[in-house]
Amino acid sequence: MIPDRTAHAIRPRLLVLRALGLGDLLAGVPALRALRRAQPEHELVLATPAELAPVAEATGAVDRLLPAAAPG
């Protein structure tokens, strides 16, 4: 049986990339917050190195984190 996807509203997502270091993340917080205000119905997902997860979560600007490997 194929699930009826119309029974549940699917929340659109925005994936934000490139928060590779602490400075990048902190500099991007105003943009993340602006995205949140402009697209409140979207789930905001941030791809960032796992070691930045506590800082990213503390900003309150994203809904979910997607662990990404740091370059190098």
PDB file of N, CA and C in Angstrom:
ATOM      1  N   MET A   1       0.842  -1.179   0.000  1.00  0.00           N
ATOM      2  CA  MET A   1       0.000   0.000   0.000  1.00  0.00           C
ATOM      3  C   MET A   1       0.888   1.243   0.000  1.00  0.00           C
ATOM      4  N   ILE A   2       0.569   2.193  -0.834  1.00  0.00           N
ATOM      5  CA  ILE A   2       1.315   3.451  -0.927  1.00  0.00           C
ATOM      6  C   ILE A   2       0.721   4.436   0.070  1.00  0.00           C
ATOM      7  N   PRO A   3       1.569   5.039   0.928  1.00  0.00           N
ATOM      8  CA  PRO A   3       1.031   5.993   1.909  1.00  0.00           C
ATOM      9  C   PRO A   3       0.438   7.220   1.236  1.00  0.00           C
ATOM     10  N   ASP A   4      -0.624   7.726   1.801  1.00  0.00           N
ATOM     11  CA  ASP A   4      -1.279   8.928   1.297  1.00  0.00           C
ATOM     12  C   ASP A   4      -0.561  10.151   1.839  1.00  0.00           C
ATOM     13  N   ARG A   5       0.272  10.758   1.019  1.00  0.00           N
ATOM     14  CA  ARG A   5       1.056  11.914   1.459  1.00  0.00           C
ATOM     15  C   ARG A   5       0.205  13.177   1.583  1.00  0.00           C
ATOM     16  N   THR A   6      -0.977  13.167   1.010  1.00  0.00           N
ATOM     17  CA  THR A   6      -1.832  14.350   1.124  1.00  0.00           C
ATOM     18  C   THR A   6      -2.476  14.443   2.500  1.00  0.00           C
ATOM     19  N   ALA A   7      -2.454  13.344   3.251  1.00  0.00           N
ATOM     20  CA  ALA A   7      -3.060  13.357   4.580  1.00  0.00           C
ATOM     21  C   ALA A   7      -2.260  14.207   5.563  1.00  0.00           C
ATOM     22  N   HIS A   8      -0.981  14.361   5.328  1.00  0.00           N
ATOM     23  CA  HIS A   8      -0.117  15.144   6.208  1.00  0.00           C
ATOM     24  C   HIS A   8       0.545  16.248   5.391  1.00  0.00           C
ATOM     25  N   ALA A   9       0.460  17.440   5.882  1.00  0.00           N
ATOM     26  CA  ALA A   9       1.111  18.553   5.193  1.00  0.00           C
ATOM     27  C   ALA A   9       2.621  18.373   5.283  1.00  0.00           C
ATOM     28  N   ILE A  10       3.286  18.510   4.166  1.00  0.00           N
ATOM     29  CA  ILE A  10       4.743  18.411   4.135  1.00  0.00           C
ATOM     30  C   ILE A  10       5.300  19.821   4.236  1.00  0.00           C
ATOM     31  N   ARG A  11       6.090  20.049   5.256  1.00  0.00           N
ATOM     32  CA  ARG A  11       6.677  21.370   5.480  1.00  0.00           C
ATOM     33  C   ARG A  11       7.852  21.559   4.525  1.00  0.00           C
ATOM     34  N   PRO A  12       7.861  22.628   3.732  1.00  0.00           N
ATOM     35  CA  PRO A  12       8.994  22.860   2.836  1.00  0.00           C
ATOM     36  C   PRO A  12      10.270  23.102   3.638  1.00  0.00           C
ATOM     37  N   ARG A  13      11.406  22.754   3.039  1.00  0.00           N
ATOM     38  CA  ARG A  13      12.700  22.897   3.713  1.00  0.00           C
ATOM     39  C   ARG A  13      13.612  23.828   2.941  1.00  0.00           C
ATOM     40  N   LEU A  14      14.431  24.520   3.710  1.00  0.00           N
ATOM     41  CA  LEU A  14      15.533  25.301   3.153  1.00  0.00           C
ATOM     42  C   LEU A  14      16.814  24.720   3.728  1.00  0.00           C
ATOM     43  N   LEU A  15      17.743  24.343   2.857  1.00  0.00           N
ATOM     44  CA  LEU A  15      19.027  23.810   3.296  1.00  0.00           C
ATOM     45  C   LEU A  15      20.077  24.895   3.134  1.00  0.00           C
ATOM     46  N   VAL A  16      20.735  25.229   4.230  1.00  0.00           N
ATOM     47  CA  VAL A  16      21.777  26.259   4.231  1.00  0.00           C
ATOM     48  C   VAL A  16      23.120  25.555   4.328  1.00  0.00           C
ATOM     49  N   LEU A  17      24.022  25.890   3.428  1.00  0.00           N
ATOM     50  CA  LEU A  17      25.340  25.267   3.361  1.00  0.00           C
ATOM     51  C   LEU A  17      26.439  26.258   3.717  1.00  0.00           C
ATOM     52  N   ARG A  18      27.617  25.720   3.992  1.00  0.00           N
ATOM     53  CA  ARG A  18      28.862  26.487   4.072  1.00  0.00           C
ATOM     54  C   ARG A  18      29.175  27.143   5.409  1.00  0.00           C
ATOM     55  N   ALA A  19      28.606  26.717   6.494  1.00  0.00           N
ATOM     56  CA  ALA A  19      29.066  27.201   7.802  1.00  0.00           C
ATOM     57  C   ALA A  19      30.223  26.295   8.208  1.00  0.00           C
ATOM     58  N   LEU A  20      31.411  26.582   7.674  1.00  0.00           N
ATOM     59  CA  LEU A  20      32.543  25.666   7.831  1.00  0.00           C
ATOM     60  C   LEU A  20      33.348  25.899   9.100  1.00  0.00           C
ATOM     61  N   GLY A  21      33.306  27.102   9.609  1.00  0.00           N
ATOM     62  CA  GLY A  21      34.065  27.407  10.816  1.00  0.00           C
ATOM     63  C   GLY A  21      33.235  28.276  11.733  1.00  0.00           C
ATOM     64  N   LEU A  22      33.750  28.485  12.926  1.00  0.00           N
ATOM     65  CA  LEU A  22      33.015  29.278  13.910  1.00  0.00           C
ATOM     66  C   LEU A  22      32.738  30.688  13.394  1.00  0.00           C
ATOM     67  N   GLY A  23      33.732  31.315  12.781  1.00  0.00           N
ATOM     68  CA  GLY A  23      33.545  32.666  12.245  1.00  0.00           C
ATOM     69  C   GLY A  23      32.485  32.718  11.168  1.00  0.00           C
ATOM     70  N   ASP A  24      32.495  31.712  10.269  1.00  0.00           N
ATOM     71  CA  ASP A  24      31.471  31.643   9.221  1.00  0.00           C
ATOM     72  C   ASP A  24      30.080  31.527   9.835  1.00  0.00           C
ATOM     73  N   LEU A  25      29.975  30.673  10.829  1.00  0.00           N
ATOM     74  CA  LEU A  25      28.674  30.472  11.469  1.00  0.00           C
ATOM     75  C   LEU A  25      28.186  31.748  12.143  1.00  0.00           C
ATOM     76  N   LEU A  26      29.049  32.362  12.933  1.00  0.00           N
ATOM     77  CA  LEU A  26      28.642  33.576  13.652  1.00  0.00           C
ATOM     78  C   LEU A  26      28.320  34.718  12.697  1.00  0.00           C
ATOM     79  N   ALA A  27      29.095  34.842  11.620  1.00  0.00           N
ATOM     80  CA  ALA A  27      28.821  35.891  10.633  1.00  0.00           C
ATOM     81  C   ALA A  27      27.506  35.633   9.899  1.00  0.00           C
ATOM     82  N   GLY A  28      27.111  34.364   9.800  1.00  0.00           N
ATOM     83  CA  GLY A  28      25.895  34.015   9.076  1.00  0.00           C
ATOM     84  C   GLY A  28      24.623  34.045   9.896  1.00  0.00           C
ATOM     85  N   VAL A  29      24.733  34.199  11.209  1.00  0.00           N
ATOM     86  CA  VAL A  29      23.539  34.185  12.071  1.00  0.00           C
ATOM     87  C   VAL A  29      22.511  35.241  11.657  1.00  0.00           C
ATOM     88  N   PRO A  30      22.897  36.485  11.360  1.00  0.00           N
ATOM     89  CA  PRO A  30      21.877  37.450  10.924  1.00  0.00           C
ATOM     90  C   PRO A  30      21.148  37.004   9.650  1.00  0.00           C
ATOM     91  N   ALA A  31      21.858  36.380   8.730  1.00  0.00           N
ATOM     92  CA  ALA A  31      21.217  35.889   7.507  1.00  0.00           C
ATOM     93  C   ALA A  31      20.271  34.729   7.815  1.00  0.00           C
ATOM     94  N   LEU A  32      20.677  33.843   8.716  1.00  0.00           N
ATOM     95  CA  LEU A  32      19.799  32.735   9.113  1.00  0.00           C
ATOM     96  C   LEU A  32      18.520  33.263   9.757  1.00  0.00           C
ATOM     97  N   ARG A  33      18.663  34.255  10.598  1.00  0.00           N
ATOM     98  CA  ARG A  33      17.481  34.841  11.250  1.00  0.00           C
ATOM     99  C   ARG A  33      16.586  35.559  10.241  1.00  0.00           C
ATOM    100  N   ALA A  34      17.201  36.197   9.245  1.00  0.00           N
ATOM    101  CA  ALA A  34      16.418  36.851   8.190  1.00  0.00           C
ATOM    102  C   ALA A  34      15.651  35.810   7.370  1.00  0.00           C
ATOM    103  N   LEU A  35      16.298  34.676   7.076  1.00  0.00           N
ATOM    104  CA  LEU A  35      15.600  33.591   6.381  1.00  0.00           C
ATOM    105  C   LEU A  35      14.413  33.101   7.205  1.00  0.00           C
ATOM    106  N   ARG A  36      14.618  32.963   8.492  1.00  0.00           N
ATOM    107  CA  ARG A  36      13.548  32.504   9.386  1.00  0.00           C
ATOM    108  C   ARG A  36      12.358  33.466   9.329  1.00  0.00           C
ATOM    109  N   ARG A  37      12.640  34.771   9.359  1.00  0.00           N
ATOM    110  CA  ARG A  37      11.552  35.761   9.304  1.00  0.00           C
ATOM    111  C   ARG A  37      10.869  35.760   7.939  1.00  0.00           C
ATOM    112  N   ALA A  38      11.657  35.609   6.873  1.00  0.00           N
ATOM    113  CA  ALA A  38      11.104  35.677   5.521  1.00  0.00           C
ATOM    114  C   ALA A  38      10.341  34.410   5.129  1.00  0.00           C
ATOM    115  N   GLN A  39      10.733  33.280   5.682  1.00  0.00           N
ATOM    116  CA  GLN A  39      10.133  31.995   5.309  1.00  0.00           C
ATOM    117  C   GLN A  39       9.721  31.204   6.557  1.00  0.00           C
ATOM    118  N   PRO A  40       8.827  31.725   7.376  1.00  0.00           N
ATOM    119  CA  PRO A  40       8.504  31.061   8.643  1.00  0.00           C
ATOM    120  C   PRO A  40       7.875  29.680   8.480  1.00  0.00           C
ATOM    121  N   GLU A  41       7.289  29.414   7.317  1.00  0.00           N
ATOM    122  CA  GLU A  41       6.645  28.118   7.111  1.00  0.00           C
ATOM    123  C   GLU A  41       7.634  27.026   6.709  1.00  0.00           C
ATOM    124  N   HIS A  42       8.865  27.409   6.408  1.00  0.00           N
ATOM    125  CA  HIS A  42       9.889  26.445   5.996  1.00  0.00           C
ATOM    126  C   HIS A  42      10.666  25.900   7.192  1.00  0.00           C
ATOM    127  N   GLU A  43      11.102  24.654   7.064  1.00  0.00           N
ATOM    128  CA  GLU A  43      12.040  24.081   8.027  1.00  0.00           C
ATOM    129  C   GLU A  43      13.430  24.523   7.587  1.00  0.00           C
ATOM    130  N   LEU A  44      14.166  25.152   8.462  1.00  0.00           N
ATOM    131  CA  LEU A  44      15.499  25.660   8.144  1.00  0.00           C
ATOM    132  C   LEU A  44      16.532  24.657   8.642  1.00  0.00           C
ATOM    133  N   VAL A  45      17.265  24.051   7.692  1.00  0.00           N
ATOM    134  CA  VAL A  45      18.251  23.015   7.989  1.00  0.00           C
ATOM    135  C   VAL A  45      19.633  23.573   7.676  1.00  0.00           C
ATOM    136  N   LEU A  46      20.540  23.462   8.623  1.00  0.00           N
ATOM    137  CA  LEU A  46      21.900  23.968   8.447  1.00  0.00           C
ATOM    138  C   LEU A  46      22.869  22.801   8.361  1.00  0.00           C
ATOM    139  N   ALA A  47      23.618  22.712   7.267  1.00  0.00           N
ATOM    140  CA  ALA A  47      24.690  21.728   7.120  1.00  0.00           C
ATOM    141  C   ALA A  47      25.957  22.370   7.669  1.00  0.00           C
ATOM    142  N   THR A  48      26.502  21.774   8.716  1.00  0.00           N
ATOM    143  CA  THR A  48      27.665  22.352   9.387  1.00  0.00           C
ATOM    144  C   THR A  48      28.472  21.240  10.045  1.00  0.00           C
ATOM    145  N   PRO A  49      29.773  21.441  10.241  1.00  0.00           N
ATOM    146  CA  PRO A  49      30.559  20.430  10.950  1.00  0.00           C
ATOM    147  C   PRO A  49      29.974  20.149  12.336  1.00  0.00           C
ATOM    148  N   ALA A  50      30.037  18.893  12.754  1.00  0.00           N
ATOM    149  CA  ALA A  50      29.422  18.457  14.011  1.00  0.00           C
ATOM    150  C   ALA A  50      29.932  19.240  15.216  1.00  0.00           C
ATOM    151  N   GLU A  51      31.189  19.660  15.197  1.00  0.00           N
ATOM    152  CA  GLU A  51      31.730  20.382  16.357  1.00  0.00           C
ATOM    153  C   GLU A  51      31.088  21.755  16.547  1.00  0.00           C
ATOM    154  N   LEU A  52      30.414  22.262  15.516  1.00  0.00           N
ATOM    155  CA  LEU A  52      29.730  23.551  15.638  1.00  0.00           C
ATOM    156  C   LEU A  52      28.262  23.401  16.051  1.00  0.00           C
ATOM    157  N   ALA A  53      27.797  22.175  16.208  1.00  0.00           N
ATOM    158  CA  ALA A  53      26.386  21.934  16.531  1.00  0.00           C
ATOM    159  C   ALA A  53      25.922  22.673  17.784  1.00  0.00           C
ATOM    160  N   PRO A  54      26.676  22.650  18.890  1.00  0.00           N
ATOM    161  CA  PRO A  54      26.189  23.365  20.079  1.00  0.00           C
ATOM    162  C   PRO A  54      26.010  24.870  19.845  1.00  0.00           C
ATOM    163  N   VAL A  55      26.916  25.458  19.090  1.00  0.00           N
ATOM    164  CA  VAL A  55      26.817  26.899  18.801  1.00  0.00           C
ATOM    165  C   VAL A  55      25.631  27.160  17.882  1.00  0.00           C
ATOM    166  N   ALA A  56      25.488  26.336  16.844  1.00  0.00           N
ATOM    167  CA  ALA A  56      24.381  26.513  15.901  1.00  0.00           C
ATOM    168  C   ALA A  56      23.035  26.376  16.608  1.00  0.00           C
ATOM    169  N   GLU A  57      22.927  25.400  17.491  1.00  0.00           N
ATOM    170  CA  GLU A  57      21.679  25.217  18.234  1.00  0.00           C
ATOM    171  C   GLU A  57      21.402  26.398  19.157  1.00  0.00           C
ATOM    172  N   ALA A  58      22.446  26.949  19.744  1.00  0.00           N
ATOM    173  CA  ALA A  58      22.285  28.070  20.679  1.00  0.00           C
ATOM    174  C   ALA A  58      21.775  29.333  19.990  1.00  0.00           C
ATOM    175  N   THR A  59      21.992  29.464  18.683  1.00  0.00           N
ATOM    176  CA  THR A  59      21.520  30.653  17.973  1.00  0.00           C
ATOM    177  C   THR A  59      20.001  30.695  17.898  1.00  0.00           C
ATOM    178  N   GLY A  60      19.368  29.523  17.926  1.00  0.00           N
ATOM    179  CA  GLY A  60      17.918  29.460  17.789  1.00  0.00           C
ATOM    180  C   GLY A  60      17.434  29.809  16.395  1.00  0.00           C
ATOM    181  N   ALA A  61      18.357  29.908  15.438  1.00  0.00           N
ATOM    182  CA  ALA A  61      17.998  30.355  14.096  1.00  0.00           C
ATOM    183  C   ALA A  61      17.645  29.213  13.150  1.00  0.00           C
ATOM    184  N   VAL A  62      17.941  27.971  13.523  1.00  0.00           N
ATOM    185  CA  VAL A  62      17.677  26.841  12.634  1.00  0.00           C
ATOM    186  C   VAL A  62      16.820  25.803  13.349  1.00  0.00           C
ATOM    187  N   ASP A  63      16.111  25.008  12.545  1.00  0.00           N
ATOM    188  CA  ASP A  63      15.255  23.961  13.093  1.00  0.00           C
ATOM    189  C   ASP A  63      16.001  22.645  13.273  1.00  0.00           C
ATOM    190  N   ARG A  64      16.955  22.404  12.383  1.00  0.00           N
ATOM    191  CA  ARG A  64      17.630  21.115  12.396  1.00  0.00           C
ATOM    192  C   ARG A  64      19.035  21.285  11.851  1.00  0.00           C
ATOM    193  N   LEU A  65      19.927  20.415  12.305  1.00  0.00           N
ATOM    194  CA  LEU A  65      21.307  20.416  11.827  1.00  0.00           C
ATOM    195  C   LEU A  65      21.559  19.158  11.015  1.00  0.00           C
ATOM    196  N   LEU A  66      22.343  19.313   9.970  1.00  0.00           N
ATOM    197  CA  LEU A  66      22.769  18.198   9.145  1.00  0.00           C
ATOM    198  C   LEU A  66      24.281  18.126   9.279  1.00  0.00           C
ATOM    199  N   PRO A  67      24.804  17.124   9.998  1.00  0.00           N
ATOM    200  CA  PRO A  67      26.255  17.049  10.185  1.00  0.00           C
ATOM    201  C   PRO A  67      26.970  16.931   8.841  1.00  0.00           C
ATOM    202  N   ALA A  68      28.005  17.714   8.675  1.00  0.00           N
ATOM    203  CA  ALA A  68      28.801  17.710   7.449  1.00  0.00           C
ATOM    204  C   ALA A  68      30.270  17.650   7.836  1.00  0.00           C
ATOM    205  N   ALA A  69      31.044  16.985   7.015  1.00  0.00           N
ATOM    206  CA  ALA A  69      32.477  16.901   7.276  1.00  0.00           C
ATOM    207  C   ALA A  69      33.133  18.238   6.974  1.00  0.00           C
ATOM    208  N   ALA A  70      34.041  18.629   7.836  1.00  0.00           N
ATOM    209  CA  ALA A  70      34.817  19.849   7.596  1.00  0.00           C
ATOM    210  C   ALA A  70      35.819  19.570   6.482  1.00  0.00           C
ATOM    211  N   PRO A  71      36.112  20.550   5.646  1.00  0.00           N
ATOM    212  CA  PRO A  71      37.075  20.319   4.566  1.00  0.00           C
ATOM    213  C   PRO A  71      38.470  20.067   5.125  1.00  0.00           C
ATOM    214  N   GLY A  72      39.224  19.290   4.365  1.00  0.00           N
ATOM    215  CA  GLY A  72      40.622  19.047   4.736  1.00  0.00           C
ATOM    216  C   GLY A  72      40.751  17.879   5.533  1.00  0.00           C
TER     217      GLY A  72
END
